[in-house]
Each structure stands twice: as structure tokens, then as C-alpha cells.
Amino acid sequence: LAMDGAAIPLLALGMICGRTTLIATGFGVITSCLILGAY
């Protein structure tokens, strides 16, 4: 999905683009880990 939507490759870029992209990055990483871990 990241290859298509550039989610993972742009995580680092999202962290330096501004507050909202940092939120998007953080939510994506944390929630992915929670789902893959708990479910």
C-alpha cells in the first residue's frame, strides 16, 4: 500500500513537513503496530 500511496516511504518526509503530516505518520505507525500485534 505504501508503494502505491507513498505512506511508508514518505514517513520521514511527513515528519518534517509539519504538524499534521507528523500526526498522520504517528497514527499510521502506532495503529498498524496495534492491529498487527493485538489482532
PDB file of all heavy atoms in Angstrom:
ATOM      1  N   LEU A   1       0.835  -1.196   0.000  1.00  0.00           N
ATOM      2  CA  LEU A   1       0.000   0.000   0.000  1.00  0.00           C
ATOM      3  C   LEU A   1       0.874   1.251   0.000  1.00  0.00           C
ATOM      4  O   LEU A   1       0.556   2.258  -0.632  1.00  0.00           O
ATOM      5  CB  LEU A   1      -0.907   0.001   1.233  1.00  0.00           C
ATOM      6  CG  LEU A   1      -1.961  -1.102   1.309  1.00  0.00           C
ATOM      7  CD1 LEU A   1      -2.696  -1.025   2.636  1.00  0.00           C
ATOM      8  CD2 LEU A   1      -2.938  -1.001   0.150  1.00  0.00           C
ATOM      9  N   ALA A   2       1.975   1.174   0.721  1.00  0.00           N
ATOM     10  CA  ALA A   2       2.877   2.318   0.790  1.00  0.00           C
ATOM     11  C   ALA A   2       3.527   2.589  -0.556  1.00  0.00           C
ATOM     12  O   ALA A   2       3.757   3.737  -0.943  1.00  0.00           O
ATOM     13  CB  ALA A   2       3.934   2.076   1.849  1.00  0.00           C
ATOM     14  N   MET A   3       3.837   1.530  -1.289  1.00  0.00           N
ATOM     15  CA  MET A   3       4.421   1.699  -2.612  1.00  0.00           C
ATOM     16  C   MET A   3       3.458   2.467  -3.510  1.00  0.00           C
ATOM     17  O   MET A   3       3.841   3.357  -4.264  1.00  0.00           O
ATOM     18  CB  MET A   3       4.714   0.324  -3.227  1.00  0.00           C
ATOM     19  CG  MET A   3       5.308   0.378  -4.626  1.00  0.00           C
ATOM     20  SD  MET A   3       7.027   0.914  -4.622  1.00  0.00           S
ATOM     21  CE  MET A   3       7.818  -0.541  -3.953  1.00  0.00           C
ATOM     22  N   ASP A   4       2.153   2.131  -3.375  1.00  0.00           N
ATOM     23  CA  ASP A   4       1.151   2.818  -4.173  1.00  0.00           C
ATOM     24  C   ASP A   4       0.875   4.222  -3.628  1.00  0.00           C
ATOM     25  O   ASP A   4       0.904   5.208  -4.344  1.00  0.00           O
ATOM     26  CB  ASP A   4      -0.159   2.020  -4.172  1.00  0.00           C
ATOM     27  CG  ASP A   4       0.005   0.694  -4.880  1.00  0.00           C
ATOM     28  OD1 ASP A   4       0.989   0.531  -5.603  1.00  0.00           O
ATOM     29  OD2 ASP A   4      -0.860  -0.180  -4.706  1.00  0.00           O
ATOM     30  N   GLY A   5       0.554   4.281  -2.335  1.00  0.00           N
ATOM     31  CA  GLY A   5       0.134   5.553  -1.748  1.00  0.00           C
ATOM     32  C   GLY A   5       1.260   6.353  -1.130  1.00  0.00           C
ATOM     33  O   GLY A   5       1.030   7.439  -0.617  1.00  0.00           O
ATOM     34  N   ALA A   6       2.466   5.835  -1.175  1.00  0.00           N
ATOM     35  CA  ALA A   6       3.648   6.519  -0.648  1.00  0.00           C
ATOM     36  C   ALA A   6       3.543   6.784   0.846  1.00  0.00           C
ATOM     37  O   ALA A   6       4.043   7.777   1.336  1.00  0.00           O
ATOM     38  CB  ALA A   6       3.893   7.821  -1.404  1.00  0.00           C
ATOM     39  N   ALA A   7       2.879   5.877   1.579  1.00  0.00           N
ATOM     40  CA  ALA A   7       2.738   6.091   3.015  1.00  0.00           C
ATOM     41  C   ALA A   7       4.052   5.867   3.748  1.00  0.00           C
ATOM     42  O   ALA A   7       4.554   6.756   4.435  1.00  0.00           O
ATOM     43  CB  ALA A   7       1.662   5.167   3.572  1.00  0.00           C
ATOM     44  N   ILE A   8       4.614   4.669   3.596  1.00  0.00           N
ATOM     45  CA  ILE A   8       5.835   4.366   4.331  1.00  0.00           C
ATOM     46  C   ILE A   8       7.033   5.153   3.798  1.00  0.00           C
ATOM     47  O   ILE A   8       7.801   5.732   4.586  1.00  0.00           O
ATOM     48  CB  ILE A   8       6.117   2.847   4.312  1.00  0.00           C
ATOM     49  CG1 ILE A   8       4.920   2.088   4.907  1.00  0.00           C
ATOM     50  CG2 ILE A   8       7.386   2.525   5.079  1.00  0.00           C
ATOM     51  CD1 ILE A   8       4.603   2.474   6.333  1.00  0.00           C
ATOM     52  N   PRO A   9       7.265   5.212   2.475  1.00  0.00           N
ATOM     53  CA  PRO A   9       8.414   5.984   2.001  1.00  0.00           C
ATOM     54  C   PRO A   9       8.360   7.453   2.401  1.00  0.00           C
ATOM     55  O   PRO A   9       9.395   8.101   2.488  1.00  0.00           O
ATOM     56  CB  PRO A   9       8.329   5.840   0.472  1.00  0.00           C
ATOM     57  CG  PRO A   9       7.615   4.565   0.258  1.00  0.00           C
ATOM     58  CD  PRO A   9       6.610   4.505   1.358  1.00  0.00           C
ATOM     59  N   LEU A  10       7.153   7.966   2.634  1.00  0.00           N
ATOM     60  CA  LEU A  10       7.030   9.377   2.992  1.00  0.00           C
ATOM     61  C   LEU A  10       6.890   9.594   4.497  1.00  0.00           C
ATOM     62  O   LEU A  10       6.585  10.697   4.930  1.00  0.00           O
ATOM     63  CB  LEU A  10       5.840  10.004   2.266  1.00  0.00           C
ATOM     64  CG  LEU A  10       6.103  10.344   0.787  1.00  0.00           C
ATOM     65  CD1 LEU A  10       4.842  10.827   0.120  1.00  0.00           C
ATOM     66  CD2 LEU A  10       7.190  11.396   0.668  1.00  0.00           C
ATOM     67  N   LEU A  11       7.102   8.556   5.282  1.00  0.00           N
ATOM     68  CA  LEU A  11       7.009   8.746   6.728  1.00  0.00           C
ATOM     69  C   LEU A  11       8.033   9.770   7.205  1.00  0.00           C
ATOM     70  O   LEU A  11       7.720  10.690   7.961  1.00  0.00           O
ATOM     71  CB  LEU A  11       7.220   7.422   7.456  1.00  0.00           C
ATOM     72  CG  LEU A  11       6.066   6.414   7.378  1.00  0.00           C
ATOM     73  CD1 LEU A  11       6.412   5.182   8.193  1.00  0.00           C
ATOM     74  CD2 LEU A  11       4.773   7.029   7.855  1.00  0.00           C
ATOM     75  N   ALA A  12       9.247   9.597   6.766  1.00  0.00           N
ATOM     76  CA  ALA A  12      10.290  10.539   7.183  1.00  0.00           C
ATOM     77  C   ALA A  12       9.996  11.945   6.657  1.00  0.00           C
ATOM     78  O   ALA A  12      10.169  12.937   7.369  1.00  0.00           O
ATOM     79  CB  ALA A  12      11.649  10.065   6.685  1.00  0.00           C
ATOM     80  N   LEU A  13       9.544  12.024   5.410  1.00  0.00           N
ATOM     81  CA  LEU A  13       9.209  13.329   4.852  1.00  0.00           C
ATOM     82  C   LEU A  13       8.040  13.948   5.616  1.00  0.00           C
ATOM     83  O   LEU A  13       8.000  15.158   5.832  1.00  0.00           O
ATOM     84  CB  LEU A  13       8.845  13.182   3.367  1.00  0.00           C
ATOM     85  CG  LEU A  13       9.956  12.651   2.456  1.00  0.00           C
ATOM     86  CD1 LEU A  13       9.457  12.563   1.015  1.00  0.00           C
ATOM     87  CD2 LEU A  13      11.174  13.553   2.526  1.00  0.00           C
ATOM     88  N   GLY A  14       7.064  13.081   5.996  1.00  0.00           N
ATOM     89  CA  GLY A  14       5.925  13.580   6.751  1.00  0.00           C
ATOM     90  C   GLY A  14       6.332  14.185   8.072  1.00  0.00           C
ATOM     91  O   GLY A  14       5.699  15.117   8.572  1.00  0.00           O
ATOM     92  N   MET A  15       7.408  13.694   8.631  1.00  0.00           N
ATOM     93  CA  MET A  15       7.851  14.191   9.929  1.00  0.00           C
ATOM     94  C   MET A  15       8.484  15.572   9.838  1.00  0.00           C
ATOM     95  O   MET A  15       8.621  16.271  10.843  1.00  0.00           O
ATOM     96  CB  MET A  15       8.834  13.201  10.556  1.00  0.00           C
ATOM     97  CG  MET A  15       8.199  11.855  10.904  1.00  0.00           C
ATOM     98  SD  MET A  15       9.367  10.641  11.536  1.00  0.00           S
ATOM     99  CE  MET A  15       9.758  11.349  13.137  1.00  0.00           C
ATOM    100  N   ILE A  16       8.868  15.977   8.622  1.00  0.00           N
ATOM    101  CA  ILE A  16       9.477  17.301   8.502  1.00  0.00           C
ATOM    102  C   ILE A  16       8.608  18.273   7.700  1.00  0.00           C
ATOM    103  O   ILE A  16       8.990  19.408   7.499  1.00  0.00           O
ATOM    104  CB  ILE A  16      10.874  17.207   7.840  1.00  0.00           C
ATOM    105  CG1 ILE A  16      10.766  16.612   6.434  1.00  0.00           C
ATOM    106  CG2 ILE A  16      11.825  16.401   8.691  1.00  0.00           C
ATOM    107  CD1 ILE A  16      12.087  16.600   5.690  1.00  0.00           C
ATOM    108  N   CYS A  17       7.435  17.799   7.253  1.00  0.00           N
ATOM    109  CA  CYS A  17       6.541  18.688   6.502  1.00  0.00           C
ATOM    110  C   CYS A  17       5.713  19.567   7.419  1.00  0.00           C
ATOM    111  O   CYS A  17       5.243  20.614   7.006  1.00  0.00           O
ATOM    112  CB  CYS A  17       5.597  17.866   5.611  1.00  0.00           C
ATOM    113  SG  CYS A  17       6.360  17.286   4.099  1.00  0.00           S
ATOM    114  N   GLY A  18       5.457  19.131   8.626  1.00  0.00           N
ATOM    115  CA  GLY A  18       4.620  19.930   9.519  1.00  0.00           C
ATOM    116  C   GLY A  18       3.887  19.067  10.522  1.00  0.00           C
ATOM    117  O   GLY A  18       4.011  17.834  10.543  1.00  0.00           O
ATOM    118  N   ARG A  19       3.076  19.727  11.341  1.00  0.00           N
ATOM    119  CA  ARG A  19       2.398  19.042  12.440  1.00  0.00           C
ATOM    120  C   ARG A  19       1.414  17.972  11.950  1.00  0.00           C
ATOM    121  O   ARG A  19       1.394  16.850  12.466  1.00  0.00           O
ATOM    122  CB  ARG A  19       1.636  20.076  13.282  1.00  0.00           C
ATOM    123  CG  ARG A  19       0.881  19.477  14.456  1.00  0.00           C
ATOM    124  CD  ARG A  19      -0.008  20.486  15.137  1.00  0.00           C
ATOM    125  NE  ARG A  19      -1.117  20.902  14.274  1.00  0.00           N
ATOM    126  CZ  ARG A  19      -2.064  21.751  14.648  1.00  0.00           C
ATOM    127  NH1 ARG A  19      -2.009  22.298  15.854  1.00  0.00           N
ATOM    128  NH2 ARG A  19      -3.048  22.081  13.829  1.00  0.00           N
ATOM    129  N   THR A  20       0.604  18.298  10.955  1.00  0.00           N
ATOM    130  CA  THR A  20      -0.449  17.368  10.538  1.00  0.00           C
ATOM    131  C   THR A  20       0.125  16.132   9.873  1.00  0.00           C
ATOM    132  O   THR A  20      -0.386  15.018  10.065  1.00  0.00           O
ATOM    133  CB  THR A  20      -1.440  18.069   9.582  1.00  0.00           C
ATOM    134  OG1 THR A  20      -1.734  19.378  10.065  1.00  0.00           O
ATOM    135  CG2 THR A  20      -2.719  17.275   9.479  1.00  0.00           C
ATOM    136  N   THR A  21       1.181  16.300   9.083  1.00  0.00           N
ATOM    137  CA  THR A  21       1.808  15.120   8.483  1.00  0.00           C
ATOM    138  C   THR A  21       2.480  14.262   9.548  1.00  0.00           C
ATOM    139  O   THR A  21       2.521  13.032   9.416  1.00  0.00           O
ATOM    140  CB  THR A  21       2.848  15.533   7.418  1.00  0.00           C
ATOM    141  OG1 THR A  21       3.777  16.458   7.992  1.00  0.00           O
ATOM    142  CG2 THR A  21       2.166  16.169   6.224  1.00  0.00           C
ATOM    143  N   LEU A  22       2.989  14.886  10.582  1.00  0.00           N
ATOM    144  CA  LEU A  22       3.567  14.127  11.700  1.00  0.00           C
ATOM    145  C   LEU A  22       2.483  13.313  12.404  1.00  0.00           C
ATOM    146  O   LEU A  22       2.699  12.160  12.783  1.00  0.00           O
ATOM    147  CB  LEU A  22       4.235  15.079  12.687  1.00  0.00           C
ATOM    148  CG  LEU A  22       4.895  14.439  13.918  1.00  0.00           C
ATOM    149  CD1 LEU A  22       5.976  13.464  13.487  1.00  0.00           C
ATOM    150  CD2 LEU A  22       5.475  15.519  14.832  1.00  0.00           C
ATOM    151  N   ILE A  23       1.290  13.913  12.546  1.00  0.00           N
ATOM    152  CA  ILE A  23       0.160  13.185  13.131  1.00  0.00           C
ATOM    153  C   ILE A  23      -0.213  11.990  12.257  1.00  0.00           C
ATOM    154  O   ILE A  23      -0.457  10.884  12.744  1.00  0.00           O
ATOM    155  CB  ILE A  23      -1.047  14.134  13.308  1.00  0.00           C
ATOM    156  CG1 ILE A  23      -0.750  15.164  14.402  1.00  0.00           C
ATOM    157  CG2 ILE A  23      -2.320  13.345  13.646  1.00  0.00           C
ATOM    158  CD1 ILE A  23      -1.789  16.259  14.512  1.00  0.00           C
ATOM    159  N   ALA A  24      -0.263  12.219  10.933  1.00  0.00           N
ATOM    160  CA  ALA A  24      -0.593  11.141  10.009  1.00  0.00           C
ATOM    161  C   ALA A  24       0.417  10.008  10.120  1.00  0.00           C
ATOM    162  O   ALA A  24       0.060   8.821  10.170  1.00  0.00           O
ATOM    163  CB  ALA A  24      -0.636  11.671   8.573  1.00  0.00           C
ATOM    164  N   THR A  25       1.679  10.375  10.184  1.00  0.00           N
ATOM    165  CA  THR A  25       2.737   9.378  10.298  1.00  0.00           C
ATOM    166  C   THR A  25       2.626   8.607  11.606  1.00  0.00           C
ATOM    167  O   THR A  25       2.676   7.367  11.628  1.00  0.00           O
ATOM    168  CB  THR A  25       4.113  10.051  10.217  1.00  0.00           C
ATOM    169  OG1 THR A  25       4.259  10.670   8.947  1.00  0.00           O
ATOM    170  CG2 THR A  25       5.229   9.046  10.422  1.00  0.00           C
ATOM    171  N   GLY A  26       2.467   9.335  12.699  1.00  0.00           N
ATOM    172  CA  GLY A  26       2.380   8.691  14.010  1.00  0.00           C
ATOM    173  C   GLY A  26       1.188   7.767  14.122  1.00  0.00           C
ATOM    174  O   GLY A  26       1.299   6.639  14.617  1.00  0.00           O
ATOM    175  N   PHE A  27       0.037   8.242  13.650  1.00  0.00           N
ATOM    176  CA  PHE A  27      -1.164   7.412  13.716  1.00  0.00           C
ATOM    177  C   PHE A  27      -1.007   6.156  12.865  1.00  0.00           C
ATOM    178  O   PHE A  27      -1.383   5.054  13.277  1.00  0.00           O
ATOM    179  CB  PHE A  27      -2.382   8.213  13.240  1.00  0.00           C
ATOM    180  CG  PHE A  27      -3.658   7.407  13.228  1.00  0.00           C
ATOM    181  CD1 PHE A  27      -4.360   7.184  14.398  1.00  0.00           C
ATOM    182  CD2 PHE A  27      -4.133   6.866  12.048  1.00  0.00           C
ATOM    183  CE1 PHE A  27      -5.524   6.423  14.397  1.00  0.00           C
ATOM    184  CE2 PHE A  27      -5.295   6.117  12.027  1.00  0.00           C
ATOM    185  CZ  PHE A  27      -5.998   5.898  13.201  1.00  0.00           C
ATOM    186  N   GLY A  28      -0.441   6.315  11.667  1.00  0.00           N
ATOM    187  CA  GLY A  28      -0.251   5.165  10.787  1.00  0.00           C
ATOM    188  C   GLY A  28       0.638   4.113  11.409  1.00  0.00           C
ATOM    189  O   GLY A  28       0.327   2.911  11.365  1.00  0.00           O
ATOM    190  N   VAL A  29       1.751   4.537  11.999  1.00  0.00           N
ATOM    191  CA  VAL A  29       2.700   3.588  12.596  1.00  0.00           C
ATOM    192  C   VAL A  29       2.112   2.923  13.835  1.00  0.00           C
ATOM    193  O   VAL A  29       2.133   1.687  13.974  1.00  0.00           O
ATOM    194  CB  VAL A  29       4.017   4.299  12.946  1.00  0.00           C
ATOM    195  CG1 VAL A  29       4.927   3.372  13.758  1.00  0.00           C
ATOM    196  CG2 VAL A  29       4.729   4.756  11.681  1.00  0.00           C
ATOM    197  N   ILE A  30       1.567   3.726  14.735  1.00  0.00           N
ATOM    198  CA  ILE A  30       1.065   3.192  16.004  1.00  0.00           C
ATOM    199  C   ILE A  30      -0.101   2.239  15.773  1.00  0.00           C
ATOM    200  O   ILE A  30      -0.145   1.129  16.326  1.00  0.00           O
ATOM    201  CB  ILE A  30       0.643   4.341  16.945  1.00  0.00           C
ATOM    202  CG1 ILE A  30       1.873   5.139  17.393  1.00  0.00           C
ATOM    203  CG2 ILE A  30      -0.104   3.800  18.161  1.00  0.00           C
ATOM    204  CD1 ILE A  30       1.552   6.409  18.146  1.00  0.00           C
ATOM    205  N   THR A  31      -1.051   2.644  14.935  1.00  0.00           N
ATOM    206  CA  THR A  31      -2.236   1.814  14.719  1.00  0.00           C
ATOM    207  C   THR A  31      -1.888   0.536  13.966  1.00  0.00           C
ATOM    208  O   THR A  31      -2.453  -0.528  14.243  1.00  0.00           O
ATOM    209  CB  THR A  31      -3.312   2.608  13.956  1.00  0.00           C
ATOM    210  OG1 THR A  31      -3.528   3.867  14.606  1.00  0.00           O
ATOM    211  CG2 THR A  31      -4.628   1.848  13.928  1.00  0.00           C
ATOM    212  N   SER A  32      -0.967   0.614  13.018  1.00  0.00           N
ATOM    213  CA  SER A  32      -0.526  -0.600  12.321  1.00  0.00           C
ATOM    214  C   SER A  32       0.081  -1.597  13.302  1.00  0.00           C
ATOM    215  O   SER A  32      -0.213  -2.803  13.255  1.00  0.00           O
ATOM    216  CB  SER A  32       0.500  -0.255  11.242  1.00  0.00           C
ATOM    217  OG  SER A  32      -0.052   0.559  10.237  1.00  0.00           O
ATOM    218  N   CYS A  33       0.913  -1.099  14.193  1.00  0.00           N
ATOM    219  CA  CYS A  33       1.548  -1.986  15.183  1.00  0.00           C
ATOM    220  C   CYS A  33       0.510  -2.593  16.123  1.00  0.00           C
ATOM    221  O   CYS A  33       0.585  -3.789  16.462  1.00  0.00           O
ATOM    222  CB  CYS A  33       2.590  -1.211  15.982  1.00  0.00           C
ATOM    223  SG  CYS A  33       4.039  -0.710  15.019  1.00  0.00           S
ATOM    224  N   LEU A  34      -0.476  -1.800  16.524  1.00  0.00           N
ATOM    225  CA  LEU A  34      -1.507  -2.306  17.427  1.00  0.00           C
ATOM    226  C   LEU A  34      -2.337  -3.403  16.762  1.00  0.00           C
ATOM    227  O   LEU A  34      -2.622  -4.444  17.364  1.00  0.00           O
ATOM    228  CB  LEU A  34      -2.426  -1.156  17.871  1.00  0.00           C
ATOM    229  CG  LEU A  34      -1.822  -0.165  18.862  1.00  0.00           C
ATOM    230  CD1 LEU A  34      -2.784   0.992  19.115  1.00  0.00           C
ATOM    231  CD2 LEU A  34      -1.474  -0.856  20.175  1.00  0.00           C
ATOM    232  N   ILE A  35      -2.727  -3.191  15.508  1.00  0.00           N
ATOM    233  CA  ILE A  35      -3.548  -4.178  14.803  1.00  0.00           C
ATOM    234  C   ILE A  35      -2.760  -5.456  14.552  1.00  0.00           C
ATOM    235  O   ILE A  35      -3.252  -6.572  14.781  1.00  0.00           O
ATOM    236  CB  ILE A  35      -4.080  -3.589  13.486  1.00  0.00           C
ATOM    237  CG1 ILE A  35      -5.135  -2.517  13.792  1.00  0.00           C
ATOM    238  CG2 ILE A  35      -4.674  -4.678  12.590  1.00  0.00           C
ATOM    239  CD1 ILE A  35      -5.681  -1.820  12.579  1.00  0.00           C
ATOM    240  N   LEU A  36      -1.530  -5.300  14.078  1.00  0.00           N
ATOM    241  CA  LEU A  36      -0.713  -6.481  13.792  1.00  0.00           C
ATOM    242  C   LEU A  36      -0.332  -7.228  15.067  1.00  0.00           C
ATOM    243  O   LEU A  36      -0.120  -8.439  15.043  1.00  0.00           O
ATOM    244  CB  LEU A  36       0.541  -6.082  13.024  1.00  0.00           C
ATOM    245  CG  LEU A  36       0.318  -5.637  11.575  1.00  0.00           C
ATOM    246  CD1 LEU A  36       1.601  -5.082  10.984  1.00  0.00           C
ATOM    247  CD2 LEU A  36      -0.199  -6.779  10.726  1.00  0.00           C
ATOM    248  N   GLY A  37      -0.257  -6.499  16.180  1.00  0.00           N
ATOM    249  CA  GLY A  37       0.098  -7.140  17.436  1.00  0.00           C
ATOM    250  C   GLY A  37      -1.090  -7.747  18.157  1.00  0.00           C
ATOM    251  O   GLY A  37      -1.081  -8.920  18.516  1.00  0.00           O
ATOM    252  N   ALA A  38      -2.155  -6.946  18.339  1.00  0.00           N
ATOM    253  CA  ALA A  38      -3.303  -7.395  19.127  1.00  0.00           C
ATOM    254  C   ALA A  38      -4.265  -8.269  18.333  1.00  0.00           C
ATOM    255  O   ALA A  38      -4.969  -9.109  18.900  1.00  0.00           O
ATOM    256  CB  ALA A  38      -4.047  -6.181  19.697  1.00  0.00           C
ATOM    257  N   TYR A  39      -4.326  -8.061  17.017  1.00  0.00           N
ATOM    258  CA  TYR A  39      -5.285  -8.810  16.194  1.00  0.00           C
ATOM    259  C   TYR A  39      -4.581  -9.535  15.051  1.00  0.00           C
ATOM    260  O   TYR A  39      -5.065  -9.556  13.927  1.00  0.00           O
ATOM    261  CB  TYR A  39      -6.348  -7.865  15.639  1.00  0.00           C
ATOM    262  CG  TYR A  39      -7.250  -7.276  16.694  1.00  0.00           C
ATOM    263  CD1 TYR A  39      -7.032  -6.006  17.198  1.00  0.00           C
ATOM    264  CD2 TYR A  39      -8.311  -8.018  17.213  1.00  0.00           C
ATOM    265  CE1 TYR A  39      -7.849  -5.469  18.178  1.00  0.00           C
ATOM    266  CE2 TYR A  39      -9.141  -7.501  18.190  1.00  0.00           C
ATOM    267  CZ  TYR A  39      -8.903  -6.222  18.670  1.00  0.00           C
ATOM    268  OH  TYR A  39      -9.716  -5.708  19.644  1.00  0.00           O
TER     269      TYR A  39
END
